[in-house]
Amino acid sequence: MKNWKTLNEARIFVDKGFALAKADKHEEAVNCFDKAIELDPNDAHAWYNKAEVYAIKGDKESAFKSLSKAVELNAMLKEFAKDKRKRIKKHYLLAENSNEVICIRQRRK
């Protein structure tokens, strides 16, 4: 069992990764989520956020893998994952057809 300090460090990496993803620093965000997962492999939110970033980057396979792990760890994410899988497929197909990178989330500025 992980101690509270390790779990707190993992949470810090998740929060940092989330902030980096919002700033469009996707590689750095994935690295932070990976560090969080290394510290706490059972952190469903780290896996979920990692899936988000992979989807934004257009890495469909890695997005599905991370999303599946998130749902495995936290069944409450299942409904979110169903919707996200549909959006990943839809946007991935749009990206293939138009040769553009399509983000899952609409950018809000």
PDB file of N, CA and C in Angstrom:
ATOM      1  N   MET A   1       0.839  -1.187   0.000  1.00  0.00           N
ATOM      2  CA  MET A   1       0.000   0.000   0.000  1.00  0.00           C
ATOM      3  C   MET A   1       0.882   1.247   0.000  1.00  0.00           C
ATOM      4  N   LYS A   2       0.512   2.207  -0.797  1.00  0.00           N
ATOM      5  CA  LYS A   2       1.263   3.452  -0.881  1.00  0.00           C
ATOM      6  C   LYS A   2       0.966   4.321   0.334  1.00  0.00           C
ATOM      7  N   ASN A   3       1.985   5.083   0.749  1.00  0.00           N
ATOM      8  CA  ASN A   3       1.745   5.983   1.871  1.00  0.00           C
ATOM      9  C   ASN A   3       1.131   7.283   1.366  1.00  0.00           C
ATOM     10  N   TRP A   4       0.621   8.086   2.263  1.00  0.00           N
ATOM     11  CA  TRP A   4      -0.079   9.315   1.887  1.00  0.00           C
ATOM     12  C   TRP A   4       0.830  10.288   1.153  1.00  0.00           C
ATOM     13  N   LYS A   5       2.126  10.317   1.487  1.00  0.00           N
ATOM     14  CA  LYS A   5       3.054  11.236   0.827  1.00  0.00           C
ATOM     15  C   LYS A   5       3.202  10.875  -0.651  1.00  0.00           C
ATOM     16  N   THR A   6       3.328   9.605  -0.942  1.00  0.00           N
ATOM     17  CA  THR A   6       3.445   9.149  -2.326  1.00  0.00           C
ATOM     18  C   THR A   6       2.172   9.466  -3.099  1.00  0.00           C
ATOM     19  N   LEU A   7       1.026   9.224  -2.471  1.00  0.00           N
ATOM     20  CA  LEU A   7      -0.245   9.512  -3.127  1.00  0.00           C
ATOM     21  C   LEU A   7      -0.410  11.011  -3.365  1.00  0.00           C
ATOM     22  N   ASN A   8       0.053  11.815  -2.422  1.00  0.00           N
ATOM     23  CA  ASN A   8      -0.018  13.266  -2.582  1.00  0.00           C
ATOM     24  C   ASN A   8       0.887  13.719  -3.730  1.00  0.00           C
ATOM     25  N   GLU A   9       2.072  13.140  -3.840  1.00  0.00           N
ATOM     26  CA  GLU A   9       2.975  13.468  -4.948  1.00  0.00           C
ATOM     27  C   GLU A   9       2.339  13.091  -6.284  1.00  0.00           C
ATOM     28  N   ALA A  10       1.675  11.945  -6.315  1.00  0.00           N
ATOM     29  CA  ALA A  10       0.999  11.516  -7.542  1.00  0.00           C
ATOM     30  C   ALA A  10      -0.076  12.528  -7.919  1.00  0.00           C
ATOM     31  N   ARG A  11      -0.834  12.993  -6.955  1.00  0.00           N
ATOM     32  CA  ARG A  11      -1.897  13.978  -7.209  1.00  0.00           C
ATOM     33  C   ARG A  11      -1.308  15.282  -7.752  1.00  0.00           C
ATOM     34  N   ILE A  12      -0.158  15.672  -7.228  1.00  0.00           N
ATOM     35  CA  ILE A  12       0.505  16.891  -7.709  1.00  0.00           C
ATOM     36  C   ILE A  12       0.875  16.741  -9.189  1.00  0.00           C
ATOM     37  N   PHE A  13       1.379  15.566  -9.566  1.00  0.00           N
ATOM     38  CA  PHE A  13       1.726  15.330 -10.970  1.00  0.00           C
ATOM     39  C   PHE A  13       0.480  15.329 -11.862  1.00  0.00           C
ATOM     40  N   VAL A  14      -0.629  14.799 -11.360  1.00  0.00           N
ATOM     41  CA  VAL A  14      -1.878  14.824 -12.131  1.00  0.00           C
ATOM     42  C   VAL A  14      -2.315  16.273 -12.358  1.00  0.00           C
ATOM     43  N   ASP A  15      -2.284  17.061 -11.290  1.00  0.00           N
ATOM     44  CA  ASP A  15      -2.686  18.469 -11.403  1.00  0.00           C
ATOM     45  C   ASP A  15      -1.771  19.235 -12.364  1.00  0.00           C
ATOM     46  N   LYS A  16      -0.478  18.976 -12.267  1.00  0.00           N
ATOM     47  CA  LYS A  16       0.479  19.641 -13.156  1.00  0.00           C
ATOM     48  C   LYS A  16       0.250  19.206 -14.605  1.00  0.00           C
ATOM     49  N   GLY A  17       0.022  17.922 -14.810  1.00  0.00           N
ATOM     50  CA  GLY A  17      -0.246  17.413 -16.153  1.00  0.00           C
ATOM     51  C   GLY A  17      -1.500  18.027 -16.751  1.00  0.00           C
ATOM     52  N   PHE A  18      -2.521  18.187 -15.914  1.00  0.00           N
ATOM     53  CA  PHE A  18      -3.765  18.792 -16.377  1.00  0.00           C
ATOM     54  C   PHE A  18      -3.516  20.237 -16.826  1.00  0.00           C
ATOM     55  N   ALA A  19      -2.760  20.985 -16.029  1.00  0.00           N
ATOM     56  CA  ALA A  19      -2.438  22.378 -16.364  1.00  0.00           C
ATOM     57  C   ALA A  19      -1.621  22.455 -17.655  1.00  0.00           C
ATOM     58  N   LEU A  20      -0.665  21.548 -17.808  1.00  0.00           N
ATOM     59  CA  LEU A  20       0.154  21.528 -19.018  1.00  0.00           C
ATOM     60  C   LEU A  20      -0.689  21.191 -20.251  1.00  0.00           C
ATOM     61  N   ALA A  21      -1.617  20.274 -20.090  1.00  0.00           N
ATOM     62  CA  ALA A  21      -2.495  19.908 -21.212  1.00  0.00           C
ATOM     63  C   ALA A  21      -3.335  21.102 -21.639  1.00  0.00           C
ATOM     64  N   LYS A  22      -3.843  21.845 -20.668  1.00  0.00           N
ATOM     65  CA  LYS A  22      -4.637  23.037 -20.993  1.00  0.00           C
ATOM     66  C   LYS A  22      -3.789  24.090 -21.703  1.00  0.00           C
ATOM     67  N   ALA A  23      -2.487  24.091 -21.443  1.00  0.00           N
ATOM     68  CA  ALA A  23      -1.574  25.034 -22.085  1.00  0.00           C
ATOM     69  C   ALA A  23      -1.016  24.474 -23.403  1.00  0.00           C
ATOM     70  N   ASP A  24      -1.598  23.377 -23.879  1.00  0.00           N
ATOM     71  CA  ASP A  24      -1.180  22.723 -25.128  1.00  0.00           C
ATOM     72  C   ASP A  24       0.254  22.212 -25.094  1.00  0.00           C
ATOM     73  N   LYS A  25       0.734  21.852 -23.918  1.00  0.00           N
ATOM     74  CA  LYS A  25       2.065  21.252 -23.773  1.00  0.00           C
ATOM     75  C   LYS A  25       1.854  19.750 -23.556  1.00  0.00           C
ATOM     76  N   HIS A  26       1.472  19.085 -24.618  1.00  0.00           N
ATOM     77  CA  HIS A  26       0.992  17.711 -24.536  1.00  0.00           C
ATOM     78  C   HIS A  26       2.052  16.697 -24.123  1.00  0.00           C
ATOM     79  N   GLU A  27       3.243  16.802 -24.672  1.00  0.00           N
ATOM     80  CA  GLU A  27       4.293  15.843 -24.296  1.00  0.00           C
ATOM     81  C   GLU A  27       4.625  15.961 -22.810  1.00  0.00           C
ATOM     82  N   GLU A  28       4.749  17.189 -22.333  1.00  0.00           N
ATOM     83  CA  GLU A  28       5.039  17.407 -20.917  1.00  0.00           C
ATOM     84  C   GLU A  28       3.894  16.901 -20.052  1.00  0.00           C
ATOM     85  N   ALA A  29       2.675  17.084 -20.521  1.00  0.00           N
ATOM     86  CA  ALA A  29       1.510  16.610 -19.773  1.00  0.00           C
ATOM     87  C   ALA A  29       1.541  15.084 -19.651  1.00  0.00           C
ATOM     88  N   VAL A  30       1.800  14.404 -20.760  1.00  0.00           N
ATOM     89  CA  VAL A  30       1.872  12.930 -20.724  1.00  0.00           C
ATOM     90  C   VAL A  30       2.965  12.484 -19.758  1.00  0.00           C
ATOM     91  N   ASN A  31       4.102  13.168 -19.764  1.00  0.00           N
ATOM     92  CA  ASN A  31       5.178  12.822 -18.832  1.00  0.00           C
ATOM     93  C   ASN A  31       4.730  12.953 -17.382  1.00  0.00           C
ATOM     94  N   CYS A  32       3.977  14.000 -17.087  1.00  0.00           N
ATOM     95  CA  CYS A  32       3.471  14.174 -15.714  1.00  0.00           C
ATOM     96  C   CYS A  32       2.485  13.069 -15.349  1.00  0.00           C
ATOM     97  N   PHE A  33       1.589  12.730 -16.270  1.00  0.00           N
ATOM     98  CA  PHE A  33       0.641  11.653 -15.989  1.00  0.00           C
ATOM     99  C   PHE A  33       1.373  10.331 -15.804  1.00  0.00           C
ATOM    100  N   ASP A  34       2.421  10.108 -16.584  1.00  0.00           N
ATOM    101  CA  ASP A  34       3.220   8.886 -16.425  1.00  0.00           C
ATOM    102  C   ASP A  34       3.885   8.836 -15.047  1.00  0.00           C
ATOM    103  N   LYS A  35       4.394   9.970 -14.578  1.00  0.00           N
ATOM    104  CA  LYS A  35       5.007  10.013 -13.246  1.00  0.00           C
ATOM    105  C   LYS A  35       3.964   9.743 -12.170  1.00  0.00           C
ATOM    106  N   ALA A  36       2.768  10.315 -12.345  1.00  0.00           N
ATOM    107  CA  ALA A  36       1.692  10.066 -11.384  1.00  0.00           C
ATOM    108  C   ALA A  36       1.328   8.584 -11.361  1.00  0.00           C
ATOM    109  N   ILE A  37       1.249   7.971 -12.535  1.00  0.00           N
ATOM    110  CA  ILE A  37       0.894   6.549 -12.632  1.00  0.00           C
ATOM    111  C   ILE A  37       2.000   5.680 -12.048  1.00  0.00           C
ATOM    112  N   GLU A  38       3.231   6.097 -12.215  1.00  0.00           N
ATOM    113  CA  GLU A  38       4.350   5.363 -11.622  1.00  0.00           C
ATOM    114  C   GLU A  38       4.232   5.365 -10.092  1.00  0.00           C
ATOM    115  N   LEU A  39       3.846   6.513  -9.541  1.00  0.00           N
ATOM    116  CA  LEU A  39       3.687   6.625  -8.090  1.00  0.00           C
ATOM    117  C   LEU A  39       2.425   5.934  -7.589  1.00  0.00           C
ATOM    118  N   ASP A  40       1.360   6.007  -8.375  1.00  0.00           N
ATOM    119  CA  ASP A  40       0.086   5.396  -7.995  1.00  0.00           C
ATOM    120  C   ASP A  40      -0.586   4.812  -9.232  1.00  0.00           C
ATOM    121  N   PRO A  41      -0.266   3.561  -9.551  1.00  0.00           N
ATOM    122  CA  PRO A  41      -0.821   2.937 -10.755  1.00  0.00           C
ATOM    123  C   PRO A  41      -2.338   2.797 -10.743  1.00  0.00           C
ATOM    124  N   ASN A  42      -2.952   2.974  -9.587  1.00  0.00           N
ATOM    125  CA  ASN A  42      -4.406   2.833  -9.459  1.00  0.00           C
ATOM    126  C   ASN A  42      -5.152   4.160  -9.524  1.00  0.00           C
ATOM    127  N   ASP A  43      -4.478   5.221  -9.944  1.00  0.00           N
ATOM    128  CA  ASP A  43      -5.118   6.532 -10.047  1.00  0.00           C
ATOM    129  C   ASP A  43      -5.862   6.621 -11.375  1.00  0.00           C
ATOM    130  N   ALA A  44      -7.154   6.378 -11.324  1.00  0.00           N
ATOM    131  CA  ALA A  44      -7.971   6.370 -12.536  1.00  0.00           C
ATOM    132  C   ALA A  44      -7.971   7.723 -13.235  1.00  0.00           C
ATOM    133  N   HIS A  45      -7.904   8.799 -12.467  1.00  0.00           N
ATOM    134  CA  HIS A  45      -7.929  10.126 -13.079  1.00  0.00           C
ATOM    135  C   HIS A  45      -6.640  10.418 -13.859  1.00  0.00           C
ATOM    136  N   ALA A  46      -5.535   9.896 -13.395  1.00  0.00           N
ATOM    137  CA  ALA A  46      -4.283  10.052 -14.149  1.00  0.00           C
ATOM    138  C   ALA A  46      -4.413   9.344 -15.501  1.00  0.00           C
ATOM    139  N   TRP A  47      -4.938   8.134 -15.475  1.00  0.00           N
ATOM    140  CA  TRP A  47      -5.139   7.382 -16.717  1.00  0.00           C
ATOM    141  C   TRP A  47      -6.129   8.085 -17.639  1.00  0.00           C
ATOM    142  N   TYR A  48      -7.211   8.618 -17.061  1.00  0.00           N
ATOM    143  CA  TYR A  48      -8.244   9.289 -17.843  1.00  0.00           C
ATOM    144  C   TYR A  48      -7.689  10.544 -18.520  1.00  0.00           C
ATOM    145  N   ASN A  49      -6.976  11.350 -17.749  1.00  0.00           N
ATOM    146  CA  ASN A  49      -6.403  12.571 -18.310  1.00  0.00           C
ATOM    147  C   ASN A  49      -5.332  12.263 -19.355  1.00  0.00           C
ATOM    148  N   LYS A  50      -4.602  11.192 -19.138  1.00  0.00           N
ATOM    149  CA  LYS A  50      -3.611  10.762 -20.132  1.00  0.00           C
ATOM    150  C   LYS A  50      -4.320  10.393 -21.446  1.00  0.00           C
ATOM    151  N   ALA A  51      -5.465   9.743 -21.331  1.00  0.00           N
ATOM    152  CA  ALA A  51      -6.260   9.396 -22.513  1.00  0.00           C
ATOM    153  C   ALA A  51      -6.697  10.657 -23.260  1.00  0.00           C
ATOM    154  N   GLU A  52      -7.109  11.667 -22.505  1.00  0.00           N
ATOM    155  CA  GLU A  52      -7.509  12.946 -23.111  1.00  0.00           C
ATOM    156  C   GLU A  52      -6.382  13.521 -23.970  1.00  0.00           C
ATOM    157  N   VAL A  53      -5.185  13.549 -23.400  1.00  0.00           N
ATOM    158  CA  VAL A  53      -4.048  14.138 -24.111  1.00  0.00           C
ATOM    159  C   VAL A  53      -3.704  13.320 -25.353  1.00  0.00           C
ATOM    160  N   TYR A  54      -3.695  12.002 -25.217  1.00  0.00           N
ATOM    161  CA  TYR A  54      -3.413  11.170 -26.386  1.00  0.00           C
ATOM    162  C   TYR A  54      -4.445  11.406 -27.485  1.00  0.00           C
ATOM    163  N   ALA A  55      -5.695  11.558 -27.094  1.00  0.00           N
ATOM    164  CA  ALA A  55      -6.746  11.800 -28.083  1.00  0.00           C
ATOM    165  C   ALA A  55      -6.535  13.134 -28.788  1.00  0.00           C
ATOM    166  N   ILE A  56      -6.180  14.147 -28.033  1.00  0.00           N
ATOM    167  CA  ILE A  56      -5.907  15.462 -28.618  1.00  0.00           C
ATOM    168  C   ILE A  56      -4.756  15.373 -29.610  1.00  0.00           C
ATOM    169  N   LYS A  57      -3.743  14.564 -29.252  1.00  0.00           N
ATOM    170  CA  LYS A  57      -2.582  14.398 -30.132  1.00  0.00           C
ATOM    171  C   LYS A  57      -2.895  13.545 -31.354  1.00  0.00           C
ATOM    172  N   GLY A  58      -4.047  12.874 -31.350  1.00  0.00           N
ATOM    173  CA  GLY A  58      -4.416  12.013 -32.466  1.00  0.00           C
ATOM    174  C   GLY A  58      -3.915  10.592 -32.345  1.00  0.00           C
ATOM    175  N   ASP A  59      -3.445  10.214 -31.156  1.00  0.00           N
ATOM    176  CA  ASP A  59      -2.955   8.854 -30.915  1.00  0.00           C
ATOM    177  C   ASP A  59      -4.112   8.012 -30.378  1.00  0.00           C
ATOM    178  N   LYS A  60      -4.932   7.544 -31.307  1.00  0.00           N
ATOM    179  CA  LYS A  60      -6.160   6.823 -30.979  1.00  0.00           C
ATOM    180  C   LYS A  60      -5.889   5.564 -30.146  1.00  0.00           C
ATOM    181  N   GLU A  61      -4.918   4.791 -30.540  1.00  0.00           N
ATOM    182  CA  GLU A  61      -4.631   3.529 -29.846  1.00  0.00           C
ATOM    183  C   GLU A  61      -4.244   3.759 -28.383  1.00  0.00           C
ATOM    184  N   SER A  62      -3.340   4.705 -28.144  1.00  0.00           N
ATOM    185  CA  SER A  62      -2.928   5.005 -26.767  1.00  0.00           C
ATOM    186  C   SER A  62      -4.072   5.616 -25.964  1.00  0.00           C
ATOM    187  N   ALA A  63      -4.906   6.427 -26.637  1.00  0.00           N
ATOM    188  CA  ALA A  63      -6.057   7.028 -25.958  1.00  0.00           C
ATOM    189  C   ALA A  63      -7.014   5.939 -25.476  1.00  0.00           C
ATOM    190  N   PHE A  64      -7.331   4.978 -26.333  1.00  0.00           N
ATOM    191  CA  PHE A  64      -8.229   3.896 -25.946  1.00  0.00           C
ATOM    192  C   PHE A  64      -7.628   3.035 -24.832  1.00  0.00           C
ATOM    193  N   LYS A  65      -6.347   2.766 -24.919  1.00  0.00           N
ATOM    194  CA  LYS A  65      -5.682   1.940 -23.909  1.00  0.00           C
ATOM    195  C   LYS A  65      -5.752   2.627 -22.539  1.00  0.00           C
ATOM    196  N   SER A  66      -5.428   3.906 -22.495  1.00  0.00           N
ATOM    197  CA  SER A  66      -5.454   4.636 -21.223  1.00  0.00           C
ATOM    198  C   SER A  66      -6.883   4.781 -20.704  1.00  0.00           C
ATOM    199  N   LEU A  67      -7.817   5.020 -21.608  1.00  0.00           N
ATOM    200  CA  LEU A  67      -9.216   5.151 -21.214  1.00  0.00           C
ATOM    201  C   LEU A  67      -9.752   3.840 -20.655  1.00  0.00           C
ATOM    202  N   SER A  68      -9.391   2.737 -21.265  1.00  0.00           N
ATOM    203  CA  SER A  68      -9.815   1.421 -20.775  1.00  0.00           C
ATOM    204  C   SER A  68      -9.272   1.152 -19.380  1.00  0.00           C
ATOM    205  N   LYS A  69      -8.022   1.530 -19.140  1.00  0.00           N
ATOM    206  CA  LYS A  69      -7.417   1.346 -17.814  1.00  0.00           C
ATOM    207  C   LYS A  69      -8.133   2.208 -16.780  1.00  0.00           C
ATOM    208  N   ALA A  70      -8.488   3.443 -17.154  1.00  0.00           N
ATOM    209  CA  ALA A  70      -9.202   4.335 -16.234  1.00  0.00           C
ATOM    210  C   ALA A  70     -10.534   3.722 -15.821  1.00  0.00           C
ATOM    211  N   VAL A  71     -11.263   3.169 -16.787  1.00  0.00           N
ATOM    212  CA  VAL A  71     -12.567   2.566 -16.499  1.00  0.00           C
ATOM    213  C   VAL A  71     -12.401   1.303 -15.664  1.00  0.00           C
ATOM    214  N   GLU A  72     -11.364   0.539 -15.940  1.00  0.00           N
ATOM    215  CA  GLU A  72     -11.081  -0.672 -15.157  1.00  0.00           C
ATOM    216  C   GLU A  72     -10.873  -0.311 -13.677  1.00  0.00           C
ATOM    217  N   LEU A  73     -10.222   0.809 -13.436  1.00  0.00           N
ATOM    218  CA  LEU A  73      -9.921   1.233 -12.068  1.00  0.00           C
ATOM    219  C   LEU A  73     -11.080   1.939 -11.380  1.00  0.00           C
ATOM    220  N   ASN A  74     -11.934   2.590 -12.162  1.00  0.00           N
ATOM    221  CA  ASN A  74     -13.042   3.344 -11.580  1.00  0.00           C
ATOM    222  C   ASN A  74     -14.258   3.190 -12.482  1.00  0.00           C
ATOM    223  N   ALA A  75     -15.159   2.313 -12.088  1.00  0.00           N
ATOM    224  CA  ALA A  75     -16.339   2.015 -12.901  1.00  0.00           C
ATOM    225  C   ALA A  75     -17.223   3.245 -13.100  1.00  0.00           C
ATOM    226  N   MET A  76     -17.114   4.228 -12.212  1.00  0.00           N
ATOM    227  CA  MET A  76     -17.929   5.438 -12.349  1.00  0.00           C
ATOM    228  C   MET A  76     -17.550   6.236 -13.600  1.00  0.00           C
ATOM    229  N   LEU A  77     -16.375   5.999 -14.128  1.00  0.00           N
ATOM    230  CA  LEU A  77     -15.933   6.693 -15.340  1.00  0.00           C
ATOM    231  C   LEU A  77     -16.483   6.049 -16.614  1.00  0.00           C
ATOM    232  N   LYS A  78     -17.202   4.944 -16.452  1.00  0.00           N
ATOM    233  CA  LYS A  78     -17.660   4.182 -17.610  1.00  0.00           C
ATOM    234  C   LYS A  78     -18.550   5.011 -18.543  1.00  0.00           C
ATOM    235  N   GLU A  79     -19.492   5.770 -17.995  1.00  0.00           N
ATOM    236  CA  GLU A  79     -20.377   6.580 -18.834  1.00  0.00           C
ATOM    237  C   GLU A  79     -19.603   7.674 -19.565  1.00  0.00           C
ATOM    238  N   PHE A  80     -18.660   8.306 -18.850  1.00  0.00           N
ATOM    239  CA  PHE A  80     -17.819   9.316 -19.497  1.00  0.00           C
ATOM    240  C   PHE A  80     -17.007   8.677 -20.619  1.00  0.00           C
ATOM    241  N   ALA A  81     -16.516   7.474 -20.360  1.00  0.00           N
ATOM    242  CA  ALA A  81     -15.673   6.792 -21.337  1.00  0.00           C
ATOM    243  C   ALA A  81     -16.458   6.430 -22.594  1.00  0.00           C
ATOM    244  N   LYS A  82     -17.706   6.016 -22.420  1.00  0.00           N
ATOM    245  CA  LYS A  82     -18.524   5.685 -23.596  1.00  0.00           C
ATOM    246  C   LYS A  82     -18.637   6.892 -24.511  1.00  0.00           C
ATOM    247  N   ASP A  83     -18.931   8.033 -23.920  1.00  0.00           N
ATOM    248  CA  ASP A  83     -19.046   9.256 -24.705  1.00  0.00           C
ATOM    249  C   ASP A  83     -17.704   9.630 -25.327  1.00  0.00           C
ATOM    250  N   LYS A  84     -16.653   9.505 -24.561  1.00  0.00           N
ATOM    251  CA  LYS A  84     -15.319   9.865 -25.043  1.00  0.00           C
ATOM    252  C   LYS A  84     -14.907   8.943 -26.189  1.00  0.00           C
ATOM    253  N   ARG A  85     -15.196   7.652 -26.090  1.00  0.00           N
ATOM    254  CA  ARG A  85     -14.847   6.721 -27.177  1.00  0.00           C
ATOM    255  C   ARG A  85     -15.541   7.127 -28.466  1.00  0.00           C
ATOM    256  N   LYS A  86     -16.807   7.518 -28.351  1.00  0.00           N
ATOM    257  CA  LYS A  86     -17.535   7.954 -29.541  1.00  0.00           C
ATOM    258  C   LYS A  86     -16.875   9.194 -30.142  1.00  0.00           C
ATOM    259  N   ARG A  87     -16.510  10.139 -29.283  1.00  0.00           N
ATOM    260  CA  ARG A  87     -15.896  11.372 -29.774  1.00  0.00           C
ATOM    261  C   ARG A  87     -14.517  11.109 -30.358  1.00  0.00           C
ATOM    262  N   ILE A  88     -13.747  10.206 -29.729  1.00  0.00           N
ATOM    263  CA  ILE A  88     -12.421   9.880 -30.272  1.00  0.00           C
ATOM    264  C   ILE A  88     -12.571   9.290 -31.670  1.00  0.00           C
ATOM    265  N   LYS A  89     -13.484   8.341 -31.817  1.00  0.00           N
ATOM    266  CA  LYS A  89     -13.690   7.721 -33.129  1.00  0.00           C
ATOM    267  C   LYS A  89     -14.138   8.756 -34.147  1.00  0.00           C
ATOM    268  N   LYS A  90     -15.106   9.583 -33.777  1.00  0.00           N
ATOM    269  CA  LYS A  90     -15.642  10.582 -34.703  1.00  0.00           C
ATOM    270  C   LYS A  90     -14.556  11.554 -35.142  1.00  0.00           C
ATOM    271  N   HIS A  91     -13.829  12.104 -34.197  1.00  0.00           N
ATOM    272  CA  HIS A  91     -12.824  13.094 -34.533  1.00  0.00           C
ATOM    273  C   HIS A  91     -11.620  12.474 -35.228  1.00  0.00           C
ATOM    274  N   TYR A  92     -11.305  11.243 -34.885  1.00  0.00           N
ATOM    275  CA  TYR A  92     -10.198  10.561 -35.558  1.00  0.00           C
ATOM    276  C   TYR A  92     -10.533  10.363 -37.032  1.00  0.00           C
ATOM    277  N   LEU A  93     -11.774   9.965 -37.309  1.00  0.00           N
ATOM    278  CA  LEU A  93     -12.189   9.780 -38.699  1.00  0.00           C
ATOM    279  C   LEU A  93     -12.196  11.112 -39.434  1.00  0.00           C
ATOM    280  N   LEU A  94     -12.671  12.175 -38.779  1.00  0.00           N
ATOM    281  CA  LEU A  94     -12.648  13.492 -39.405  1.00  0.00           C
ATOM    282  C   LEU A  94     -11.219  13.912 -39.715  1.00  0.00           C
ATOM    283  N   ALA A  95     -10.316  13.646 -38.804  1.00  0.00           N
ATOM    284  CA  ALA A  95      -8.915  14.022 -39.004  1.00  0.00           C
ATOM    285  C   ALA A  95      -8.322  13.253 -40.183  1.00  0.00           C
ATOM    286  N   GLU A  96      -8.636  11.970 -40.280  1.00  0.00           N
ATOM    287  CA  GLU A  96      -8.123  11.182 -41.389  1.00  0.00           C
ATOM    288  C   GLU A  96      -8.653  11.704 -42.723  1.00  0.00           C
ATOM    289  N   ASN A  97      -9.927  12.079 -42.749  1.00  0.00           N
ATOM    290  CA  ASN A  97     -10.548  12.534 -43.988  1.00  0.00           C
ATOM    291  C   ASN A  97     -10.073  13.918 -44.419  1.00  0.00           C
ATOM    292  N   SER A  98      -9.748  14.764 -43.480  1.00  0.00           N
ATOM    293  CA  SER A  98      -9.390  16.128 -43.836  1.00  0.00           C
ATOM    294  C   SER A  98      -7.900  16.413 -43.683  1.00  0.00           C
ATOM    295  N   ASN A  99      -7.138  15.406 -43.250  1.00  0.00           N
ATOM    296  CA  ASN A  99      -5.705  15.567 -43.022  1.00  0.00           C
ATOM    297  C   ASN A  99      -5.400  16.666 -42.006  1.00  0.00           C
ATOM    298  N   GLU A 100      -6.301  16.865 -41.079  1.00  0.00           N
ATOM    299  CA  GLU A 100      -6.109  17.842 -40.022  1.00  0.00           C
ATOM    300  C   GLU A 100      -6.140  17.136 -38.685  1.00  0.00           C
ATOM    301  N   VAL A 101      -5.535  17.755 -37.716  1.00  0.00           N
ATOM    302  CA  VAL A 101      -5.630  17.234 -36.362  1.00  0.00           C
ATOM    303  C   VAL A 101      -6.862  17.851 -35.733  1.00  0.00           C
ATOM    304  N   ILE A 102      -7.782  17.019 -35.306  1.00  0.00           N
ATOM    305  CA  ILE A 102      -9.010  17.483 -34.672  1.00  0.00           C
ATOM    306  C   ILE A 102      -8.926  17.169 -33.189  1.00  0.00           C
ATOM    307  N   CYS A 103      -9.166  18.150 -32.380  1.00  0.00           N
ATOM    308  CA  CYS A 103      -9.125  17.962 -30.933  1.00  0.00           C
ATOM    309  C   CYS A 103     -10.472  17.461 -30.446  1.00  0.00           C
ATOM    310  N   ILE A 104     -10.442  16.666 -29.390  1.00  0.00           N
ATOM    311  CA  ILE A 104     -11.669  16.176 -28.789  1.00  0.00           C
ATOM    312  C   ILE A 104     -12.466  17.324 -28.203  1.00  0.00           C
ATOM    313  N   ARG A 105     -11.803  18.141 -27.456  1.00  0.00           N
ATOM    314  CA  ARG A 105     -12.477  19.246 -26.792  1.00  0.00           C
ATOM    315  C   ARG A 105     -12.434  20.474 -27.675  1.00  0.00           C
ATOM    316  N   GLN A 106     -13.500  21.197 -27.673  1.00  0.00           N
ATOM    317  CA  GLN A 106     -13.500  22.479 -28.355  1.00  0.00           C
ATOM    318  C   GLN A 106     -12.651  23.415 -27.511  1.00  0.00           C
ATOM    319  N   ARG A 107     -11.774  24.118 -28.146  1.00  0.00           N
ATOM    320  CA  ARG A 107     -10.929  25.061 -27.412  1.00  0.00           C
ATOM    321  C   ARG A 107     -11.766  26.260 -27.007  1.00  0.00           C
ATOM    322  N   ARG A 108     -11.641  26.605 -25.743  1.00  0.00           N
ATOM    323  CA  ARG A 108     -12.366  27.758 -25.225  1.00  0.00           C
ATOM    324  C   ARG A 108     -11.382  28.856 -24.939  1.00  0.00           C
ATOM    325  N   LYS A 109     -11.557  29.966 -25.577  1.00  0.00           N
ATOM    326  CA  LYS A 109     -10.644  31.096 -25.348  1.00  0.00           C
ATOM    327  C   LYS A 109     -11.432  32.352 -25.154  1.00  0.00           C
TER     328      LYS A 109
END
